[in-house]
């Protein structure tokens, strides 16, 4: 009782009071703000397990990070920087490139005006060792084709399904139609790996997830990772917060906070 904790839950956190199993709570380290805590778990666990558990990232390798200015993207960049001499390709709109370079992206690519696969090949003709794929559809095929021998693509989302405020059935059908498919025999000839990751289905693996959180908190205490907060919005501005993401303006995490209860506000005034 009274501990400051971070929580993991698949849904239901947009409210002032929540109830989660104790196994899905983690003590916050000294000096961490609640906003940082809200930005840490989902993105950094995802990025860590993709890069290290599936990707087996090692010194002198290369990584392509899509949506590099988003939550998982910024986490992955920081984690890549904990390994020696990793070349990072990151896709994002041009307005975010300066910020990406400051954070450690070696080669930012504007996916809106350029073919990112061609841009990667210009710099690294053989391709890359790891592709983080949150896009799905035809982009998973492009990711697979961009891999070097012994390379790995880890797919962890289908952002191509989301095109705006309303469901676009044509976009959904196109993404589904273009979804990457390969059989085990074909993999033999390519010397490549395809992995799938979804933190939401790790509910039955508290020890595995807890071990990753311990490593992340150690990196945080060493100053090697720090959640990047784009903006913080009260609950009554949730529509504006969602628009910030839909219009792809955010660099880092968009955070929702309940406003302080009125009793606390009155005490502060007195």
Protein backbone atom coordinates (compact mmCIF):
# COMPACT_ATOMS: atom_id res chain seq x y z
CA UNK A 1 0.00 0.00 0.00
CA UNK A 2 1.36 3.38 -0.99
CA UNK A 3 3.99 2.03 -3.39
CA UNK A 4 4.47 3.95 -6.64
CA UNK A 5 3.99 1.37 -9.38
CA UNK A 6 3.85 0.95 -13.15
CA UNK A 7 1.16 -1.39 -14.44
CA UNK A 8 0.70 -3.57 -17.49
CA UNK A 9 -2.84 -4.16 -18.75
CA UNK A 10 -4.18 -4.93 -22.20
CA UNK A 11 -7.00 -2.36 -21.88
CA UNK A 12 -9.07 -0.33 -19.44
CA UNK A 13 -6.50 2.19 -18.28
CA UNK A 14 -8.24 5.36 -19.45
CA UNK A 15 -9.86 5.92 -16.07
CA UNK A 16 -8.97 7.29 -12.65
CA UNK A 17 -9.15 4.00 -10.72
CA UNK A 18 -7.99 0.66 -12.13
CA UNK A 19 -7.71 -2.87 -10.80
CA UNK A 20 -4.89 -5.11 -12.09
CA UNK A 21 -3.25 -8.33 -10.84
CA UNK A 22 -0.27 -7.74 -8.54
CA UNK A 23 1.90 -9.74 -10.97
CA UNK A 24 1.33 -7.00 -13.56
CA UNK A 25 2.64 -4.23 -11.31
CA UNK A 26 6.27 -3.13 -11.06
CA UNK A 27 7.90 -0.78 -8.55
CA UNK A 28 8.92 2.58 -9.98
CA UNK A 29 12.56 3.52 -9.35
CA UNK A 30 13.50 6.66 -7.44
CA UNK A 31 13.34 9.81 -9.51
CA UNK A 32 11.00 8.45 -12.18
CA UNK A 33 7.94 10.57 -12.93
CA UNK A 34 4.49 9.03 -13.38
CA UNK A 35 4.51 10.23 -16.99
CA UNK A 36 7.79 8.38 -17.63
CA UNK A 37 6.37 5.29 -15.93
CA UNK A 38 3.32 5.39 -18.20
CA UNK A 39 5.62 5.63 -21.23
CA UNK A 40 8.04 2.89 -20.22
CA UNK A 41 6.58 -0.58 -19.95
CA UNK A 42 4.69 -1.39 -23.17
CA UNK A 43 7.12 0.32 -25.53
CA UNK A 44 10.39 -0.68 -23.91
CA UNK A 45 9.40 -4.30 -23.19
CA UNK A 46 8.31 -4.62 -26.83
CA UNK A 47 11.46 -2.99 -28.21
CA UNK A 48 13.74 -4.99 -25.88
CA UNK A 49 12.25 -8.40 -26.66
CA UNK A 50 12.15 -7.69 -30.39
CA UNK A 51 15.75 -6.48 -30.58
CA UNK A 52 17.44 -8.84 -28.13
CA UNK A 53 15.29 -11.94 -27.61
CA UNK A 54 14.16 -12.34 -31.22
CA UNK A 55 16.65 -10.10 -33.05
CA UNK A 56 19.78 -11.16 -31.12
CA UNK A 57 21.23 -7.70 -31.81
CA UNK A 58 25.02 -7.66 -31.66
CA UNK A 59 27.81 -5.09 -32.26
CA UNK A 60 28.37 -3.87 -35.84
CA UNK A 61 24.90 -4.90 -37.06
CA UNK A 62 22.25 -2.79 -38.81
CA UNK A 63 18.59 -2.25 -37.95
CA UNK A 64 15.64 -0.71 -39.81
CA UNK A 65 13.13 0.90 -37.44
CA UNK A 66 9.79 1.95 -38.91
CA UNK A 67 7.79 4.74 -37.24
CA UNK A 68 11.08 5.67 -35.57
CA UNK A 69 9.66 8.75 -33.84
CA UNK A 70 6.84 6.81 -32.15
CA UNK A 71 6.82 5.08 -28.78
CA UNK A 72 8.39 1.73 -29.70
CA UNK A 73 10.63 3.48 -32.25
CA UNK A 74 12.20 5.86 -29.73
CA UNK A 75 12.63 2.99 -27.25
CA UNK A 76 14.30 0.82 -29.90
CA UNK A 77 16.71 3.62 -30.86
CA UNK A 78 17.83 4.05 -27.24
CA UNK A 79 18.25 0.30 -26.81
CA UNK A 80 20.26 0.03 -30.05
CA UNK A 81 22.61 2.67 -28.60
CA UNK A 82 23.46 0.30 -25.74
CA UNK A 83 25.17 -1.98 -28.28
CA UNK A 84 28.45 -0.97 -29.92
CA UNK A 85 28.47 0.40 -33.46
CA UNK A 86 24.89 -0.39 -34.53
CA UNK A 87 23.77 1.33 -37.76
CA UNK A 88 20.18 2.57 -37.40
CA UNK A 89 17.91 3.31 -40.36
CA UNK A 90 14.71 5.03 -39.25
CA UNK A 91 11.61 5.98 -41.25
CA UNK A 92 9.65 9.11 -40.31
CA UNK A 93 8.33 12.26 -41.95
CA UNK A 94 11.02 14.84 -42.82
CA UNK A 95 10.03 17.24 -40.01
CA UNK A 96 11.19 14.65 -37.45
CA UNK A 97 14.61 13.91 -38.97
CA UNK A 98 16.62 16.39 -36.89
CA UNK A 99 15.15 14.95 -33.71
CA UNK A 100 15.92 11.40 -34.91
CA UNK A 101 19.54 12.27 -35.68
CA UNK A 102 19.93 13.80 -32.21
CA UNK A 103 18.58 10.59 -30.66
CA UNK A 104 21.02 8.39 -32.57
CA UNK A 105 19.47 7.43 -35.91
CA UNK A 106 22.29 7.07 -38.44
CA UNK A 107 20.13 7.39 -41.56
CA UNK A 108 16.64 8.96 -41.27
CA UNK A 109 14.42 8.22 -44.31
CA UNK A 110 11.31 10.15 -45.34
CA UNK A 111 8.90 7.33 -46.20
CA UNK A 112 6.43 9.83 -47.69
CA UNK A 113 8.69 10.98 -50.52
CA UNK A 114 11.16 8.10 -50.90
CA UNK A 115 11.13 4.33 -51.29
CA UNK A 116 12.77 3.36 -48.01
CA UNK A 117 13.97 0.01 -49.40
CA UNK A 118 15.86 1.79 -52.21
CA UNK A 119 17.34 4.29 -49.74
CA UNK A 120 18.59 1.49 -47.47
CA UNK A 121 20.14 -0.35 -50.47
CA UNK A 122 22.01 2.81 -51.57
CA UNK A 123 23.81 2.87 -48.23
CA UNK A 124 23.86 -0.85 -47.46
CA UNK A 125 23.61 -2.84 -50.73
CA UNK A 126 23.26 -6.16 -48.89
CA UNK A 127 20.43 -4.85 -46.71
CA UNK A 128 20.11 -4.96 -42.92
CA UNK A 129 20.35 -7.57 -40.14
CA UNK A 130 17.05 -6.76 -38.37
CA UNK A 131 13.80 -5.09 -39.47
CA UNK A 132 11.22 -4.03 -36.88
CA UNK A 133 7.89 -4.23 -38.71
CA UNK A 134 4.83 -2.56 -37.14
CA UNK A 135 3.26 -1.96 -40.59
CA UNK A 136 2.13 -5.32 -41.98
CA UNK A 137 0.76 -5.89 -45.47
CA UNK A 138 3.18 -5.45 -48.37
CA UNK A 139 5.75 -3.80 -46.05
CA UNK A 140 6.46 -7.17 -44.42
CA UNK A 141 7.46 -8.53 -47.84
CA UNK A 142 9.72 -5.52 -48.38
CA UNK A 143 11.23 -6.11 -44.93
CA UNK A 144 11.95 -9.77 -45.70
CA UNK A 145 13.58 -8.85 -49.01
CA UNK A 146 15.75 -6.25 -47.26
CA UNK A 147 17.30 -8.78 -44.90
CA UNK A 148 20.89 -9.91 -45.17
CA UNK A 149 21.56 -13.67 -44.92
CA UNK A 150 20.78 -14.72 -41.32
CA UNK A 151 18.67 -11.59 -40.97
CA UNK A 152 15.41 -11.38 -39.04
CA UNK A 153 12.14 -9.52 -39.53
CA UNK A 154 9.99 -9.17 -36.43
CA UNK A 155 6.41 -8.16 -37.12
CA UNK A 156 4.57 -6.64 -34.17
CA UNK A 157 1.67 -4.65 -35.61
CA UNK A 158 -0.48 -3.83 -38.62
CA UNK A 159 -0.41 -0.03 -38.72
CA UNK A 160 -1.29 -0.11 -42.43
CA UNK A 161 -4.86 -0.95 -41.36
CA UNK A 162 -5.15 2.47 -39.68
CA UNK A 163 -5.52 5.27 -42.20
CA UNK A 164 -7.51 7.92 -40.31
CA UNK A 165 -10.33 8.56 -37.90
CA UNK A 166 -12.73 6.10 -39.54
CA UNK A 167 -12.33 2.51 -40.66
CA UNK A 168 -11.26 2.32 -44.30
CA UNK A 169 -12.52 -1.02 -45.59
CA UNK A 170 -10.53 -0.69 -48.82
CA UNK A 171 -7.30 -0.14 -46.90
CA UNK A 172 -8.09 -3.12 -44.67
CA UNK A 173 -8.83 -5.36 -47.65
CA UNK A 174 -5.65 -4.23 -49.43
CA UNK A 175 -3.51 -4.83 -46.35
CA UNK A 176 -5.06 -8.26 -45.83
CA UNK A 177 -4.56 -9.18 -49.50
CA UNK A 178 -0.92 -8.07 -49.43
CA UNK A 179 -0.15 -9.77 -46.12
CA UNK A 180 3.20 -11.55 -46.30
CA UNK A 181 3.10 -15.33 -46.47
CA UNK A 182 5.95 -17.83 -46.63
CA UNK A 183 6.22 -21.54 -45.86
CA UNK A 184 8.90 -23.40 -43.93
CA UNK A 185 10.52 -24.89 -47.05
CA UNK A 186 10.95 -21.45 -48.63
CA UNK A 187 12.67 -20.23 -45.47
CA UNK A 188 15.31 -22.93 -45.94
CA UNK A 189 16.52 -21.37 -49.18
CA UNK A 190 16.64 -17.81 -47.84
CA UNK A 191 18.59 -18.23 -44.58
CA UNK A 192 16.29 -15.66 -42.96
CA UNK A 193 13.88 -15.64 -40.02
CA UNK A 194 10.35 -14.26 -39.59
CA UNK A 195 9.15 -13.65 -36.02
CA UNK A 196 5.87 -12.39 -34.59
CA UNK A 197 5.51 -10.50 -31.31
CA UNK A 198 2.50 -9.30 -29.30
CA UNK A 199 3.02 -8.23 -25.67
CA UNK A 200 -0.74 -8.51 -25.06
CA UNK A 201 -0.49 -12.30 -25.32
CA UNK A 202 2.29 -12.57 -22.72
CA UNK A 203 -0.24 -12.64 -19.85
CA UNK A 204 0.80 -16.17 -18.87
CA UNK A 205 4.53 -15.32 -18.77
CA UNK A 206 5.00 -13.01 -15.74
CA UNK A 207 8.50 -14.32 -14.99
CA UNK A 208 9.67 -13.74 -18.56
CA UNK A 209 8.22 -10.22 -18.68
CA UNK A 210 9.42 -9.45 -15.15
CA UNK A 211 12.97 -10.38 -16.12
CA UNK A 212 12.86 -7.94 -19.02
CA UNK A 213 11.46 -5.17 -16.78
CA UNK A 214 14.33 -5.72 -14.31
CA UNK A 215 16.85 -5.27 -17.13
CA UNK A 216 15.06 -2.13 -18.34
CA UNK A 217 14.97 -0.56 -14.87
CA UNK A 218 18.70 -1.26 -14.54
CA UNK A 219 19.30 0.54 -17.86
CA UNK A 220 17.09 3.43 -16.68
CA UNK A 221 19.03 3.77 -13.41
CA UNK A 222 22.26 3.88 -15.45
CA UNK A 223 20.83 6.70 -17.57
CA UNK A 224 21.03 4.61 -20.75
CA UNK A 225 17.29 4.77 -21.49
CA UNK A 226 14.79 7.53 -20.77
CA UNK A 227 11.20 7.56 -22.05
CA UNK A 228 10.59 10.38 -24.51
CA UNK A 229 7.35 12.24 -23.76
CA UNK A 230 5.82 14.11 -26.68
CA UNK A 231 2.90 15.66 -24.81
CA UNK A 232 0.63 15.20 -21.79
CA UNK A 233 -3.16 15.62 -22.01
CA UNK A 234 -5.93 15.60 -19.37
CA UNK A 235 -8.74 13.09 -19.88
CA UNK A 236 -11.16 15.76 -21.12
CA UNK A 237 -8.82 16.46 -24.05
CA UNK A 238 -8.57 12.82 -25.16
CA UNK A 239 -9.83 13.68 -28.67
CA UNK A 240 -6.99 16.19 -29.14
CA UNK A 241 -4.49 13.61 -27.85
CA UNK A 242 -5.74 11.04 -30.37
CA UNK A 243 -5.57 13.63 -33.16
CA UNK A 244 -1.93 14.32 -32.26
CA UNK A 245 -1.17 10.68 -33.11
CA UNK A 246 -3.51 10.33 -36.08
CA UNK A 247 -1.89 13.33 -37.74
CA UNK A 248 1.53 11.83 -36.92
CA UNK A 249 2.74 14.97 -35.15
CA UNK A 250 4.14 13.23 -32.09
CA UNK A 251 7.79 12.51 -31.39
CA UNK A 252 7.68 10.07 -28.50
CA UNK A 253 4.74 9.14 -26.28
CA UNK A 254 1.38 10.86 -26.00
CA UNK A 255 0.27 10.56 -22.35
CA UNK A 256 -3.19 10.85 -20.80
CA UNK A 257 -3.52 11.99 -17.15
CA UNK A 258 -6.62 12.34 -14.97
CA UNK A 259 -6.84 15.85 -13.56
CA UNK A 260 -6.12 16.25 -9.84
CA UNK A 261 -9.19 15.66 -7.63
CA UNK A 262 -10.89 18.88 -6.52
CA UNK A 263 -10.14 18.24 -2.83
CA UNK A 264 -6.37 18.26 -3.54
CA UNK A 265 -6.71 21.43 -5.60
CA UNK A 266 -8.46 23.17 -2.70
CA UNK A 267 -5.75 22.08 -0.22
CA UNK A 268 -3.08 23.49 -2.52
CA UNK A 269 -4.96 26.80 -2.75
CA UNK A 270 -5.21 27.00 1.06
